[in-house]
Amino acid sequence: MLIWGWTVLYKVLATGSFHCPQCGCDRSYRSVRARRWFTFFFIPVILLQTLGDYVQCDTCGSYFDEIVLTVPTREQLHQWLPQAVRVMLVTVVRDAAVADPAAREEAATAIADAGLPGYNRRHLDVDLATLPGDVASMFGEWVEYLGLEGREYLLTTAATIVTRDGHFSEQRRRLIDYMGAVLRMSPMHVVGVLRMAGSGVRHPNPDVR
């Protein structure tokens, strides 16, 4: 008696960590290639078809399209956030020509609080002379994973820094408008944040997801 049929086998291509849509948190995964084989006496002997590449969560076992690997993990976001805050606030201080000592101290403190403990005015002075100000590139698509309160906090901090000395020029206003656009906030939302900055209303520290 001949026993034949077909089966689907998975070849592991890579492993790593990802944000599992099913589990709702960071998990380990296997990137696998699904292939259908003709079997003879349960032994795969002829490759019939490659079905595609998928990502399998090691915890829940669910399979996903590889696009899920483009979503940053929470660990990646927490590594990115301090540097994003640093680039934004250094750019604000530099482009707005902020010289007020209290405003510069506030910028350094906000950067330290975002996840760079020990960051101070001395580090800020070095960054002002050397750090590239490519804010839009730094935030990119990841800004979508920064909560609304986090985005409001960043813009409120930036607005407070540039208005502390009482000189809010048109150039500074355009800078804040630009930062609001980078953070994907509407013009009306930016106006509201500016009002809160002027009244001293502050937000919690930024967080992700």
N, C-alpha and C. Protein backbone atom coordinates (compact mmCIF):
# COMPACT_ATOMS: atom_id res chain seq x y z
N MET A 1 0.84 -1.19 0.00
CA MET A 1 0.00 0.00 0.00
C MET A 1 0.88 1.25 0.00
N LEU A 2 0.59 2.17 -0.93
CA LEU A 2 1.35 3.42 -1.02
C LEU A 2 0.65 4.50 -0.22
N ILE A 3 1.41 5.19 0.58
CA ILE A 3 0.86 6.30 1.36
C ILE A 3 1.52 7.59 0.86
N TRP A 4 0.70 8.48 0.30
CA TRP A 4 1.24 9.74 -0.19
C TRP A 4 0.28 10.88 0.18
N GLY A 5 0.77 12.08 0.05
CA GLY A 5 -0.04 13.24 0.39
C GLY A 5 0.80 14.50 0.31
N TRP A 6 0.46 15.48 1.10
CA TRP A 6 1.25 16.72 1.15
C TRP A 6 1.17 17.33 2.55
N THR A 7 2.14 18.15 2.84
CA THR A 7 2.20 18.81 4.14
C THR A 7 2.88 20.16 3.98
N VAL A 8 2.66 21.04 4.94
CA VAL A 8 3.31 22.35 4.95
C VAL A 8 4.38 22.34 6.04
N LEU A 9 5.61 22.68 5.65
CA LEU A 9 6.72 22.75 6.59
C LEU A 9 7.23 24.19 6.65
N TYR A 10 7.77 24.52 7.81
CA TYR A 10 8.25 25.89 8.03
C TYR A 10 9.76 25.89 8.26
N LYS A 11 10.46 26.69 7.49
CA LYS A 11 11.90 26.84 7.64
C LYS A 11 12.18 28.15 8.39
N VAL A 12 12.92 28.07 9.49
CA VAL A 12 13.23 29.27 10.29
C VAL A 12 14.31 30.08 9.58
N LEU A 13 14.02 31.35 9.32
CA LEU A 13 14.96 32.24 8.63
C LEU A 13 15.71 33.15 9.59
N ALA A 14 15.03 33.57 10.65
CA ALA A 14 15.64 34.50 11.61
C ALA A 14 14.83 34.51 12.89
N THR A 15 15.42 35.05 13.94
CA THR A 15 14.73 35.20 15.22
C THR A 15 14.99 36.61 15.75
N GLY A 16 14.18 37.01 16.70
CA GLY A 16 14.38 38.33 17.28
C GLY A 16 13.22 38.70 18.19
N SER A 17 13.07 40.01 18.45
CA SER A 17 11.98 40.52 19.27
C SER A 17 11.11 41.42 18.41
N PHE A 18 9.80 41.40 18.69
CA PHE A 18 8.87 42.27 17.96
C PHE A 18 7.69 42.60 18.86
N HIS A 19 6.88 43.56 18.41
CA HIS A 19 5.66 43.90 19.14
C HIS A 19 4.54 43.03 18.59
N CYS A 20 4.11 42.05 19.36
CA CYS A 20 3.09 41.10 18.90
C CYS A 20 1.70 41.74 18.95
N PRO A 21 1.01 41.84 17.81
CA PRO A 21 -0.34 42.42 17.82
C PRO A 21 -1.34 41.62 18.65
N GLN A 22 -1.12 40.31 18.74
CA GLN A 22 -2.04 39.46 19.50
C GLN A 22 -1.80 39.59 21.00
N CYS A 23 -0.55 39.54 21.41
CA CYS A 23 -0.21 39.63 22.83
C CYS A 23 -0.29 41.07 23.34
N GLY A 24 -0.06 42.04 22.43
CA GLY A 24 -0.10 43.44 22.82
C GLY A 24 1.14 43.93 23.54
N CYS A 25 2.24 43.20 23.40
CA CYS A 25 3.49 43.60 24.05
C CYS A 25 4.66 42.99 23.29
N ASP A 26 5.87 43.27 23.74
CA ASP A 26 7.06 42.75 23.08
C ASP A 26 7.20 41.25 23.35
N ARG A 27 7.49 40.49 22.29
CA ARG A 27 7.68 39.05 22.40
C ARG A 27 8.84 38.63 21.48
N SER A 28 9.34 37.44 21.70
CA SER A 28 10.32 36.87 20.77
C SER A 28 9.56 36.25 19.60
N TYR A 29 10.21 36.22 18.45
CA TYR A 29 9.55 35.70 17.26
C TYR A 29 10.51 34.85 16.44
N ARG A 30 9.93 34.09 15.51
CA ARG A 30 10.69 33.38 14.48
C ARG A 30 10.16 33.81 13.13
N SER A 31 11.06 34.21 12.24
CA SER A 31 10.67 34.50 10.86
C SER A 31 10.79 33.19 10.09
N VAL A 32 9.68 32.75 9.49
CA VAL A 32 9.65 31.43 8.88
C VAL A 32 9.18 31.52 7.42
N ARG A 33 9.59 30.54 6.63
CA ARG A 33 9.14 30.41 5.24
C ARG A 33 8.28 29.15 5.14
N ALA A 34 7.04 29.33 4.73
CA ALA A 34 6.11 28.20 4.62
C ALA A 34 6.19 27.61 3.21
N ARG A 35 6.38 26.27 3.16
CA ARG A 35 6.48 25.58 1.87
C ARG A 35 5.67 24.29 1.90
N ARG A 36 4.95 24.06 0.80
CA ARG A 36 4.14 22.83 0.70
C ARG A 36 4.96 21.76 -0.02
N TRP A 37 4.98 20.53 0.59
CA TRP A 37 5.76 19.41 0.06
C TRP A 37 4.85 18.23 -0.26
N PHE A 38 5.21 17.54 -1.31
CA PHE A 38 4.60 16.24 -1.58
C PHE A 38 5.29 15.21 -0.69
N THR A 39 4.50 14.38 -0.02
CA THR A 39 5.08 13.39 0.89
C THR A 39 4.83 11.98 0.38
N PHE A 40 5.78 11.14 0.65
CA PHE A 40 5.68 9.72 0.31
C PHE A 40 6.05 8.93 1.55
N PHE A 41 5.06 8.16 2.06
CA PHE A 41 5.22 7.50 3.35
C PHE A 41 5.61 8.53 4.42
N PHE A 42 4.89 9.69 4.38
CA PHE A 42 5.03 10.78 5.36
C PHE A 42 6.38 11.51 5.28
N ILE A 43 7.17 11.18 4.29
CA ILE A 43 8.47 11.84 4.13
C ILE A 43 8.36 12.88 3.01
N PRO A 44 8.68 14.16 3.29
CA PRO A 44 8.62 15.18 2.23
C PRO A 44 9.70 14.91 1.19
N VAL A 45 9.29 14.77 -0.05
CA VAL A 45 10.26 14.43 -1.09
C VAL A 45 10.29 15.44 -2.24
N ILE A 46 9.17 16.11 -2.51
CA ILE A 46 9.13 17.06 -3.62
C ILE A 46 8.54 18.39 -3.14
N LEU A 47 9.29 19.47 -3.35
CA LEU A 47 8.78 20.80 -3.00
C LEU A 47 7.76 21.22 -4.06
N LEU A 48 6.53 21.46 -3.63
CA LEU A 48 5.47 21.82 -4.57
C LEU A 48 5.30 23.34 -4.72
N GLN A 49 5.41 24.06 -3.60
CA GLN A 49 5.08 25.49 -3.65
C GLN A 49 5.63 26.19 -2.42
N THR A 50 6.16 27.41 -2.62
CA THR A 50 6.53 28.27 -1.50
C THR A 50 5.34 29.19 -1.21
N LEU A 51 4.79 29.09 -0.03
CA LEU A 51 3.56 29.80 0.32
C LEU A 51 3.80 31.23 0.78
N GLY A 52 5.03 31.51 1.27
CA GLY A 52 5.32 32.86 1.72
C GLY A 52 6.12 32.87 3.01
N ASP A 53 6.56 34.07 3.38
CA ASP A 53 7.32 34.27 4.61
C ASP A 53 6.41 34.91 5.66
N TYR A 54 6.53 34.43 6.89
CA TYR A 54 5.67 34.89 7.97
C TYR A 54 6.48 35.06 9.24
N VAL A 55 5.84 35.75 10.19
CA VAL A 55 6.44 35.95 11.51
C VAL A 55 5.56 35.23 12.52
N GLN A 56 6.18 34.34 13.30
CA GLN A 56 5.43 33.59 14.30
C GLN A 56 5.85 34.02 15.69
N CYS A 57 4.87 34.37 16.52
CA CYS A 57 5.13 34.73 17.91
C CYS A 57 5.45 33.47 18.70
N ASP A 58 6.55 33.47 19.44
CA ASP A 58 6.93 32.31 20.23
C ASP A 58 6.01 32.08 21.41
N THR A 59 5.26 33.12 21.81
CA THR A 59 4.40 32.99 22.99
C THR A 59 2.99 32.51 22.63
N CYS A 60 2.31 33.23 21.73
CA CYS A 60 0.93 32.86 21.40
C CYS A 60 0.84 31.95 20.18
N GLY A 61 1.93 31.85 19.41
CA GLY A 61 1.94 30.96 18.26
C GLY A 61 1.29 31.53 17.01
N SER A 62 0.79 32.76 17.07
CA SER A 62 0.10 33.37 15.92
C SER A 62 1.09 33.69 14.81
N TYR A 63 0.60 33.65 13.58
CA TYR A 63 1.40 34.00 12.41
C TYR A 63 0.96 35.37 11.88
N PHE A 64 1.92 36.16 11.45
CA PHE A 64 1.64 37.50 10.94
C PHE A 64 2.44 37.75 9.67
N ASP A 65 1.95 38.72 8.89
CA ASP A 65 2.73 39.18 7.74
C ASP A 65 3.99 39.88 8.25
N GLU A 66 5.03 39.87 7.44
CA GLU A 66 6.32 40.44 7.86
C GLU A 66 6.27 41.93 8.15
N ILE A 67 5.20 42.61 7.74
CA ILE A 67 5.09 44.04 7.98
C ILE A 67 5.06 44.37 9.47
N VAL A 68 4.69 43.37 10.31
CA VAL A 68 4.65 43.63 11.75
C VAL A 68 6.04 43.97 12.30
N LEU A 69 7.10 43.57 11.58
CA LEU A 69 8.45 43.85 12.06
C LEU A 69 8.82 45.31 11.87
N THR A 70 8.01 46.08 11.13
CA THR A 70 8.28 47.51 10.98
C THR A 70 7.77 48.31 12.16
N VAL A 71 6.95 47.69 13.00
CA VAL A 71 6.45 48.37 14.19
C VAL A 71 7.52 48.29 15.28
N PRO A 72 7.96 49.43 15.82
CA PRO A 72 9.02 49.38 16.83
C PRO A 72 8.57 48.70 18.11
N THR A 73 9.49 48.01 18.75
CA THR A 73 9.20 47.42 20.05
C THR A 73 9.22 48.52 21.11
N ARG A 74 8.68 48.20 22.26
CA ARG A 74 8.68 49.19 23.35
C ARG A 74 10.12 49.51 23.77
N GLU A 75 10.99 48.52 23.76
CA GLU A 75 12.39 48.76 24.10
C GLU A 75 13.04 49.72 23.09
N GLN A 76 12.75 49.53 21.81
CA GLN A 76 13.30 50.43 20.80
C GLN A 76 12.79 51.86 20.99
N LEU A 77 11.51 51.98 21.33
CA LEU A 77 10.94 53.30 21.54
C LEU A 77 11.57 54.02 22.72
N HIS A 78 11.85 53.27 23.77
CA HIS A 78 12.45 53.88 24.96
C HIS A 78 13.92 54.22 24.74
N GLN A 79 14.55 53.59 23.77
CA GLN A 79 15.91 53.98 23.40
C GLN A 79 15.88 55.21 22.48
N TRP A 80 14.83 55.28 21.66
CA TRP A 80 14.70 56.39 20.71
C TRP A 80 14.27 57.68 21.38
N LEU A 81 13.33 57.60 22.32
CA LEU A 81 12.71 58.80 22.88
C LEU A 81 13.70 59.80 23.46
N PRO A 82 14.64 59.41 24.32
CA PRO A 82 15.56 60.41 24.88
C PRO A 82 16.35 61.15 23.81
N GLN A 83 16.77 60.43 22.76
CA GLN A 83 17.54 61.09 21.70
C GLN A 83 16.65 62.02 20.88
N ALA A 84 15.39 61.63 20.68
CA ALA A 84 14.46 62.49 19.94
C ALA A 84 14.21 63.79 20.70
N VAL A 85 13.99 63.68 22.01
CA VAL A 85 13.78 64.87 22.84
C VAL A 85 15.03 65.75 22.82
N ARG A 86 16.17 65.12 22.91
CA ARG A 86 17.44 65.86 22.89
C ARG A 86 17.58 66.66 21.60
N VAL A 87 17.37 66.02 20.45
CA VAL A 87 17.51 66.71 19.17
C VAL A 87 16.52 67.86 19.06
N MET A 88 15.26 67.62 19.47
CA MET A 88 14.25 68.66 19.35
C MET A 88 14.57 69.88 20.21
N LEU A 89 14.90 69.66 21.48
CA LEU A 89 15.10 70.80 22.38
C LEU A 89 16.41 71.52 22.10
N VAL A 90 17.44 70.79 21.71
CA VAL A 90 18.69 71.46 21.32
C VAL A 90 18.44 72.32 20.09
N THR A 91 17.68 71.81 19.14
CA THR A 91 17.36 72.58 17.94
C THR A 91 16.56 73.82 18.27
N VAL A 92 15.60 73.68 19.20
CA VAL A 92 14.79 74.83 19.60
C VAL A 92 15.66 75.92 20.22
N VAL A 93 16.53 75.52 21.15
CA VAL A 93 17.40 76.51 21.80
C VAL A 93 18.31 77.18 20.78
N ARG A 94 18.87 76.41 19.88
CA ARG A 94 19.80 76.96 18.90
C ARG A 94 19.09 77.83 17.86
N ASP A 95 18.01 77.33 17.27
CA ASP A 95 17.35 78.06 16.19
C ASP A 95 16.60 79.29 16.68
N ALA A 96 16.17 79.26 17.94
CA ALA A 96 15.48 80.42 18.51
C ALA A 96 16.45 81.38 19.20
N ALA A 97 17.74 81.04 19.16
CA ALA A 97 18.78 81.89 19.80
C ALA A 97 18.42 82.18 21.25
N VAL A 98 18.06 81.12 21.98
CA VAL A 98 17.69 81.27 23.39
C VAL A 98 18.95 81.43 24.23
N ALA A 99 19.07 82.58 24.89
CA ALA A 99 20.23 82.85 25.72
C ALA A 99 19.89 82.89 27.20
N ASP A 100 18.60 82.95 27.53
CA ASP A 100 18.16 83.04 28.92
C ASP A 100 18.65 81.82 29.71
N PRO A 101 19.41 82.03 30.80
CA PRO A 101 19.96 80.90 31.57
C PRO A 101 18.89 79.96 32.10
N ALA A 102 17.77 80.52 32.57
CA ALA A 102 16.70 79.67 33.12
C ALA A 102 16.09 78.80 32.03
N ALA A 103 15.94 79.36 30.83
CA ALA A 103 15.37 78.60 29.72
C ALA A 103 16.31 77.47 29.30
N ARG A 104 17.60 77.76 29.26
CA ARG A 104 18.57 76.73 28.90
C ARG A 104 18.62 75.63 29.97
N GLU A 105 18.50 76.03 31.21
CA GLU A 105 18.49 75.04 32.30
C GLU A 105 17.27 74.14 32.18
N GLU A 106 16.14 74.74 31.82
CA GLU A 106 14.92 73.96 31.66
C GLU A 106 15.06 72.96 30.51
N ALA A 107 15.70 73.38 29.43
CA ALA A 107 15.91 72.47 28.31
C ALA A 107 16.78 71.30 28.72
N ALA A 108 17.87 71.57 29.44
CA ALA A 108 18.76 70.50 29.89
C ALA A 108 18.05 69.55 30.84
N THR A 109 17.23 70.09 31.73
CA THR A 109 16.49 69.26 32.68
C THR A 109 15.48 68.36 31.97
N ALA A 110 14.79 68.93 30.98
CA ALA A 110 13.80 68.14 30.23
C ALA A 110 14.47 67.00 29.48
N ILE A 111 15.65 67.24 28.94
CA ILE A 111 16.39 66.19 28.23
C ILE A 111 16.81 65.09 29.21
N ALA A 112 17.28 65.50 30.38
CA ALA A 112 17.68 64.52 31.40
C ALA A 112 16.47 63.69 31.84
N ASP A 113 15.33 64.36 32.05
CA ASP A 113 14.12 63.67 32.52
C ASP A 113 13.57 62.70 31.47
N ALA A 114 13.88 62.96 30.20
CA ALA A 114 13.37 62.09 29.12
C ALA A 114 14.10 60.76 29.06
N GLY A 115 15.19 60.64 29.81
CA GLY A 115 15.90 59.35 29.80
C GLY A 115 17.39 59.45 29.65
N LEU A 116 17.95 60.64 29.84
CA LEU A 116 19.41 60.82 29.80
C LEU A 116 19.87 61.42 31.12
N PRO A 117 19.82 60.63 32.19
CA PRO A 117 20.20 61.15 33.51
C PRO A 117 21.63 61.68 33.50
N GLY A 118 21.82 62.80 34.17
CA GLY A 118 23.15 63.40 34.21
C GLY A 118 23.35 64.47 33.15
N TYR A 119 22.43 64.55 32.20
CA TYR A 119 22.53 65.58 31.16
C TYR A 119 22.35 66.95 31.82
N ASN A 120 23.24 67.90 31.50
CA ASN A 120 23.19 69.21 32.15
C ASN A 120 23.54 70.32 31.16
N ARG A 121 23.70 71.53 31.70
CA ARG A 121 23.98 72.69 30.85
C ARG A 121 25.28 72.53 30.06
N ARG A 122 26.25 71.88 30.64
CA ARG A 122 27.52 71.68 29.94
C ARG A 122 27.30 70.80 28.70
N HIS A 123 26.52 69.74 28.86
CA HIS A 123 26.22 68.88 27.71
C HIS A 123 25.41 69.65 26.67
N LEU A 124 24.49 70.49 27.13
CA LEU A 124 23.69 71.28 26.21
C LEU A 124 24.58 72.21 25.39
N ASP A 125 25.53 72.85 26.03
CA ASP A 125 26.43 73.76 25.31
C ASP A 125 27.22 73.02 24.22
N VAL A 126 27.66 71.80 24.56
CA VAL A 126 28.39 71.00 23.56
C VAL A 126 27.46 70.62 22.40
N ASP A 127 26.24 70.21 22.72
CA ASP A 127 25.28 69.81 21.68
C ASP A 127 24.91 70.99 20.79
N LEU A 128 24.81 72.17 21.35
CA LEU A 128 24.46 73.34 20.56
C LEU A 128 25.48 73.60 19.46
N ALA A 129 26.71 73.23 19.73
CA ALA A 129 27.78 73.47 18.76
C ALA A 129 27.98 72.30 17.80
N THR A 130 27.51 71.12 18.17
CA THR A 130 27.87 69.93 17.38
C THR A 130 26.71 69.07 16.90
N LEU A 131 25.57 69.10 17.58
CA LEU A 131 24.48 68.16 17.27
C LEU A 131 23.70 68.59 16.04
N PRO A 132 23.60 67.72 15.02
CA PRO A 132 22.77 68.05 13.85
C PRO A 132 21.31 68.23 14.27
N GLY A 133 20.62 69.11 13.59
CA GLY A 133 19.24 69.41 13.96
C GLY A 133 18.21 68.83 13.01
N ASP A 134 18.38 67.59 12.61
CA ASP A 134 17.46 66.95 11.67
C ASP A 134 16.27 66.38 12.42
N VAL A 135 15.40 67.28 12.88
CA VAL A 135 14.28 66.87 13.74
C VAL A 135 13.29 65.99 13.00
N ALA A 136 12.91 66.37 11.80
CA ALA A 136 11.91 65.60 11.05
C ALA A 136 12.38 64.18 10.81
N SER A 137 13.66 64.01 10.48
CA SER A 137 14.21 62.67 10.24
C SER A 137 14.25 61.87 11.54
N MET A 138 14.59 62.52 12.64
CA MET A 138 14.68 61.82 13.93
C MET A 138 13.33 61.27 14.37
N PHE A 139 12.27 62.05 14.20
CA PHE A 139 10.95 61.61 14.64
C PHE A 139 10.32 60.68 13.62
N GLY A 140 10.37 61.05 12.33
CA GLY A 140 9.87 60.17 11.28
C GLY A 140 8.50 59.58 11.59
N GLU A 141 8.33 58.31 11.22
CA GLU A 141 7.06 57.63 11.43
C GLU A 141 6.85 57.23 12.88
N TRP A 142 7.93 57.23 13.66
CA TRP A 142 7.81 56.77 15.04
C TRP A 142 7.01 57.73 15.91
N VAL A 143 6.82 58.97 15.45
CA VAL A 143 6.07 59.92 16.25
C VAL A 143 4.66 59.42 16.51
N GLU A 144 4.14 58.56 15.61
CA GLU A 144 2.80 58.01 15.80
C GLU A 144 2.70 57.15 17.06
N TYR A 145 3.84 56.66 17.53
CA TYR A 145 3.83 55.80 18.72
C TYR A 145 4.06 56.58 20.00
N LEU A 146 4.21 57.90 19.86
CA LEU A 146 4.33 58.78 21.01
C LEU A 146 2.92 59.25 21.37
N GLY A 147 2.51 59.03 22.60
CA GLY A 147 1.15 59.38 23.00
C GLY A 147 0.86 60.87 22.82
N LEU A 148 -0.43 61.21 22.77
CA LEU A 148 -0.82 62.60 22.60
C LEU A 148 -0.28 63.46 23.73
N GLU A 149 -0.36 62.98 24.96
CA GLU A 149 0.16 63.75 26.08
C GLU A 149 1.66 63.96 25.95
N GLY A 150 2.36 62.94 25.43
CA GLY A 150 3.80 63.07 25.24
C GLY A 150 4.13 64.13 24.21
N ARG A 151 3.37 64.17 23.11
CA ARG A 151 3.61 65.18 22.07
C ARG A 151 3.28 66.57 22.59
N GLU A 152 2.20 66.68 23.34
CA GLU A 152 1.85 67.98 23.93
C GLU A 152 2.93 68.44 24.91
N TYR A 153 3.44 67.49 25.69
CA TYR A 153 4.50 67.83 26.65
C TYR A 153 5.73 68.38 25.93
N LEU A 154 6.15 67.73 24.87
CA LEU A 154 7.34 68.18 24.13
C LEU A 154 7.13 69.57 23.55
N LEU A 155 5.98 69.80 22.93
CA LEU A 155 5.75 71.10 22.33
C LEU A 155 5.57 72.18 23.39
N THR A 156 4.91 71.84 24.50
CA THR A 156 4.76 72.81 25.59
C THR A 156 6.12 73.19 26.16
N THR A 157 6.99 72.20 26.33
CA THR A 157 8.34 72.48 26.83
C THR A 157 9.09 73.39 25.87
N ALA A 158 9.02 73.08 24.56
CA ALA A 158 9.69 73.90 23.56
C ALA A 158 9.15 75.32 23.58
N ALA A 159 7.82 75.46 23.65
CA ALA A 159 7.21 76.78 23.66
C ALA A 159 7.59 77.56 24.91
N THR A 160 7.63 76.89 26.05
CA THR A 160 8.01 77.56 27.30
C THR A 160 9.44 78.07 27.23
N ILE A 161 10.31 77.27 26.64
CA ILE A 161 11.72 77.66 26.52
C ILE A 161 11.87 78.92 25.68
N VAL A 162 11.16 78.99 24.55
CA VAL A 162 11.35 80.13 23.64
C VAL A 162 10.57 81.37 24.08
N THR A 163 9.64 81.23 25.02
CA THR A 163 8.88 82.40 25.48
C THR A 163 9.31 82.89 26.85
N ARG A 164 10.21 82.19 27.50
CA ARG A 164 10.57 82.54 28.87
C ARG A 164 11.17 83.95 28.97
N ASP A 165 11.93 84.36 27.96
CA ASP A 165 12.55 85.69 28.03
C ASP A 165 11.62 86.82 27.57
N GLY A 166 10.38 86.45 27.21
CA GLY A 166 9.39 87.47 26.84
C GLY A 166 9.49 87.95 25.41
N HIS A 167 10.41 87.41 24.63
CA HIS A 167 10.58 87.85 23.24
C HIS A 167 10.12 86.73 22.31
N PHE A 168 8.85 86.77 21.94
CA PHE A 168 8.29 85.74 21.07
C PHE A 168 8.13 86.31 19.67
N SER A 169 9.17 86.26 18.89
CA SER A 169 9.19 86.85 17.56
C SER A 169 8.45 85.95 16.56
N GLU A 170 8.24 86.50 15.36
CA GLU A 170 7.61 85.72 14.29
C GLU A 170 8.48 84.52 13.93
N GLN A 171 9.81 84.69 13.97
CA GLN A 171 10.71 83.57 13.68
C GLN A 171 10.52 82.45 14.70
N ARG A 172 10.39 82.82 15.95
CA ARG A 172 10.19 81.79 16.99
C ARG A 172 8.83 81.13 16.82
N ARG A 173 7.83 81.90 16.44
CA ARG A 173 6.51 81.32 16.23
C ARG A 173 6.56 80.30 15.09
N ARG A 174 7.25 80.64 14.01
CA ARG A 174 7.37 79.69 12.88
C ARG A 174 8.11 78.43 13.31
N LEU A 175 9.08 78.58 14.21
CA LEU A 175 9.81 77.42 14.71
C LEU A 175 8.89 76.49 15.48
N ILE A 176 8.05 77.07 16.36
CA ILE A 176 7.11 76.25 17.13
C ILE A 176 6.08 75.61 16.21
N ASP A 177 5.63 76.35 15.21
CA ASP A 177 4.68 75.77 14.24
C ASP A 177 5.32 74.57 13.54
N TYR A 178 6.59 74.69 13.19
CA TYR A 178 7.30 73.61 12.51
C TYR A 178 7.42 72.39 13.43
N MET A 179 7.76 72.62 14.70
CA MET A 179 7.88 71.51 15.64
C MET A 179 6.52 70.83 15.83
N GLY A 180 5.46 71.63 15.84
CA GLY A 180 4.12 71.04 15.95
C GLY A 180 3.80 70.17 14.75
N ALA A 181 4.21 70.61 13.56
CA ALA A 181 3.98 69.80 12.36
C ALA A 181 4.77 68.51 12.41
N VAL A 182 6.02 68.58 12.89
CA VAL A 182 6.83 67.37 13.05
C VAL A 182 6.14 66.38 13.99
N LEU A 183 5.51 66.92 15.04
CA LEU A 183 4.81 66.08 16.01
C LEU A 183 3.41 65.71 15.54
N ARG A 184 3.06 66.11 14.30
CA ARG A 184 1.77 65.79 13.68
C ARG A 184 0.61 66.32 14.51
N MET A 185 0.74 67.58 14.87
CA MET A 185 -0.32 68.29 15.58
C MET A 185 -0.87 69.37 14.66
N SER A 186 -2.18 69.58 14.71
CA SER A 186 -2.83 70.56 13.85
C SER A 186 -2.45 71.98 14.28
N PRO A 187 -2.59 72.96 13.36
CA PRO A 187 -2.30 74.35 13.73
C PRO A 187 -3.09 74.82 14.94
N MET A 188 -4.36 74.44 15.03
CA MET A 188 -5.18 74.84 16.18
C MET A 188 -4.67 74.19 17.46
N HIS A 189 -4.21 72.96 17.35
CA HIS A 189 -3.65 72.28 18.52
C HIS A 189 -2.39 73.01 18.99
N VAL A 190 -1.57 73.44 18.04
CA VAL A 190 -0.36 74.19 18.39
C VAL A 190 -0.72 75.47 19.11
N VAL A 191 -1.76 76.17 18.63
CA VAL A 191 -2.21 77.40 19.28
C VAL A 191 -2.60 77.12 20.73
N GLY A 192 -3.32 76.03 20.96
CA GLY A 192 -3.71 75.68 22.32
C GLY A 192 -2.52 75.38 23.21
N VAL A 193 -1.53 74.70 22.67
CA VAL A 193 -0.31 74.40 23.43
C VAL A 193 0.42 75.69 23.78
N LEU A 194 0.48 76.63 22.84
CA LEU A 194 1.13 77.91 23.10
C LEU A 194 0.44 78.67 24.23
N ARG A 195 -0.88 78.60 24.26
CA ARG A 195 -1.62 79.26 25.33
C ARG A 195 -1.31 78.62 26.68
N MET A 196 -1.24 77.30 26.69
CA MET A 196 -0.91 76.61 27.94
C MET A 196 0.51 76.92 28.39
N ALA A 197 1.43 77.02 27.43
CA ALA A 197 2.82 77.36 27.77
C ALA A 197 2.88 78.75 28.37
N GLY A 198 2.09 79.67 27.81
CA GLY A 198 2.10 81.04 28.32
C GLY A 198 1.49 81.16 29.69
N SER A 199 0.55 80.23 30.04
CA SER A 199 -0.09 80.30 31.36
C SER A 199 0.59 79.44 32.39
N GLY A 200 1.68 78.76 31.97
CA GLY A 200 2.44 77.95 32.92
C GLY A 200 1.89 76.56 33.13
N VAL A 201 0.88 76.16 32.33
CA VAL A 201 0.33 74.81 32.47
C VAL A 201 1.29 73.82 31.86
N ARG A 202 1.64 72.78 32.58
CA ARG A 202 2.59 71.78 32.10
C ARG A 202 1.92 70.42 31.98
N HIS A 203 2.58 69.52 31.27
CA HIS A 203 2.07 68.17 31.06
C HIS A 203 3.00 67.15 31.71
N PRO A 204 2.51 65.92 31.87
CA PRO A 204 3.40 64.85 32.37
C PRO A 204 4.52 64.60 31.40
N ASN A 205 5.53 63.89 31.87
CA ASN A 205 6.64 63.51 30.98
C ASN A 205 6.12 62.64 29.84
N PRO A 206 6.78 62.69 28.69
CA PRO A 206 6.29 61.93 27.54
C PRO A 206 6.39 60.43 27.79
N ASP A 207 5.46 59.69 27.17
CA ASP A 207 5.49 58.24 27.25
C ASP A 207 5.12 57.72 25.88
N VAL A 208 5.28 56.41 25.72
CA VAL A 208 4.99 55.79 24.43
C VAL A 208 3.85 54.80 24.57
N ARG A 209 3.18 54.61 23.39
CA ARG A 209 2.01 53.73 23.30
C ARG A 209 0.99 54.15 24.33
